Amino acid sequence: MKKMRIRIGKDGRATVKVEGVVGPGCLEFTKAIEEAIGEVEERELTDAYHQEAIEGVSENVEETL
């Protein structure tokens, strides 16, 4: 299940954490909230993001061989 946890600090800065989404789909999942909140100052990509990207590349290589 996709989840988005949004934390707004006392200073007004928001932190968005995504759970249940692998690969670059998390960026699409957060796109609307990022546009509503404002400029993204920092982005930290999790292991789940990188794991999907690596698996996708190896699958494409296997298919073409």
C-alpha atoms as a PDB file:
ATOM      1  CA  MET A   1       0.000   0.000   0.000  1.00  0.00           C
ATOM      2  CA  LYS A   2       1.321   3.442  -0.945  1.00  0.00           C
ATOM      3  CA  LYS A   3       1.690   5.871   1.941  1.00  0.00           C
ATOM      4  CA  MET A   4       2.877   9.436   2.120  1.00  0.00           C
ATOM      5  CA  ARG A   5       3.821  10.846   5.507  1.00  0.00           C
ATOM      6  CA  ILE A   6       4.012  14.620   5.710  1.00  0.00           C
ATOM      7  CA  ARG A   7       5.571  16.336   8.697  1.00  0.00           C
ATOM      8  CA  ILE A   8       5.450  20.106   9.061  1.00  0.00           C
ATOM      9  CA  GLY A   9       7.899  21.532  11.570  1.00  0.00           C
ATOM     10  CA  LYS A  10       7.415  24.561  13.781  1.00  0.00           C
ATOM     11  CA  ASP A  11       9.589  26.474  11.338  1.00  0.00           C
ATOM     12  CA  GLY A  12       7.102  25.726   8.535  1.00  0.00           C
ATOM     13  CA  ARG A  13       9.394  23.344   6.654  1.00  0.00           C
ATOM     14  CA  ALA A  14       7.702  20.198   5.403  1.00  0.00           C
ATOM     15  CA  THR A  15       9.211  16.718   5.146  1.00  0.00           C
ATOM     16  CA  VAL A  16       7.564  14.128   2.908  1.00  0.00           C
ATOM     17  CA  LYS A  17       8.347  10.432   3.318  1.00  0.00           C
ATOM     18  CA  VAL A  18       7.009   7.808   0.907  1.00  0.00           C
ATOM     19  CA  GLU A  19       6.428   4.169   1.838  1.00  0.00           C
ATOM     20  CA  GLY A  20       5.285   1.286  -0.325  1.00  0.00           C
ATOM     21  CA  VAL A  21       6.560   2.648  -3.636  1.00  0.00           C
ATOM     22  CA  VAL A  22       9.626   1.244  -5.375  1.00  0.00           C
ATOM     23  CA  GLY A  23      11.694   2.958  -8.039  1.00  0.00           C
ATOM     24  CA  PRO A  24      11.128   6.349  -9.591  1.00  0.00           C
ATOM     25  CA  GLY A  25       7.357   6.045  -9.128  1.00  0.00           C
ATOM     26  CA  CYS A  26       7.808   7.753  -5.763  1.00  0.00           C
ATOM     27  CA  LEU A  27       8.682  11.007  -7.534  1.00  0.00           C
ATOM     28  CA  GLU A  28       5.431  10.913  -9.496  1.00  0.00           C
ATOM     29  CA  PHE A  29       3.555   9.992  -6.300  1.00  0.00           C
ATOM     30  CA  THR A  30       4.819  13.127  -4.510  1.00  0.00           C
ATOM     31  CA  LYS A  31       4.687  15.518  -7.484  1.00  0.00           C
ATOM     32  CA  ALA A  32       1.332  17.150  -6.632  1.00  0.00           C
ATOM     33  CA  ILE A  33       2.144  17.722  -2.961  1.00  0.00           C
ATOM     34  CA  GLU A  34       5.574  19.124  -3.848  1.00  0.00           C
ATOM     35  CA  GLU A  35       3.973  21.594  -6.251  1.00  0.00           C
ATOM     36  CA  ALA A  36       1.439  22.620  -3.595  1.00  0.00           C
ATOM     37  CA  ILE A  37       4.011  23.034  -0.819  1.00  0.00           C
ATOM     38  CA  GLY A  38       6.629  24.885  -2.859  1.00  0.00           C
ATOM     39  CA  GLU A  39      10.262  24.506  -3.820  1.00  0.00           C
ATOM     40  CA  VAL A  40      12.053  21.256  -2.929  1.00  0.00           C
ATOM     41  CA  GLU A  41      15.174  22.207  -0.998  1.00  0.00           C
ATOM     42  CA  GLU A  42      16.565  18.709  -0.529  1.00  0.00           C
ATOM     43  CA  ARG A  43      15.697  15.222  -1.756  1.00  0.00           C
ATOM     44  CA  GLU A  44      16.954  12.003  -0.195  1.00  0.00           C
ATOM     45  CA  LEU A  45      16.307   8.903  -2.282  1.00  0.00           C
ATOM     46  CA  THR A  46      15.914   5.630  -0.391  1.00  0.00           C
ATOM     47  CA  ASP A  47      17.303   2.180  -1.155  1.00  0.00           C
ATOM     48  CA  ALA A  48      13.893   1.209  -2.582  1.00  0.00           C
ATOM     49  CA  TYR A  49      14.258   3.870  -5.270  1.00  0.00           C
ATOM     50  CA  HIS A  50      17.684   2.597  -6.331  1.00  0.00           C
ATOM     51  CA  GLN A  51      16.780  -1.084  -6.047  1.00  0.00           C
ATOM     52  CA  GLU A  52      14.045  -0.852  -8.667  1.00  0.00           C
ATOM     53  CA  ALA A  53      16.237   1.110 -11.043  1.00  0.00           C
ATOM     54  CA  ILE A  54      19.014  -1.495 -10.858  1.00  0.00           C
ATOM     55  CA  GLU A  55      16.612  -4.422 -11.319  1.00  0.00           C
ATOM     56  CA  GLY A  56      15.011  -2.740 -14.339  1.00  0.00           C
ATOM     57  CA  VAL A  57      18.370  -2.300 -16.038  1.00  0.00           C
ATOM     58  CA  SER A  58      19.413  -5.930 -15.513  1.00  0.00           C
ATOM     59  CA  GLU A  59      16.055  -7.170 -16.835  1.00  0.00           C
ATOM     60  CA  ASN A  60      16.465  -5.115 -20.022  1.00  0.00           C
ATOM     61  CA  VAL A  61      19.974  -6.460 -20.560  1.00  0.00           C
ATOM     62  CA  GLU A  62      18.803 -10.052 -20.182  1.00  0.00           C
ATOM     63  CA  GLU A  63      15.966  -9.536 -22.670  1.00  0.00           C
ATOM     64  CA  THR A  64      18.227  -8.171 -25.401  1.00  0.00           C
ATOM     65  CA  LEU A  65      20.799 -10.978 -25.095  1.00  0.00           C
END
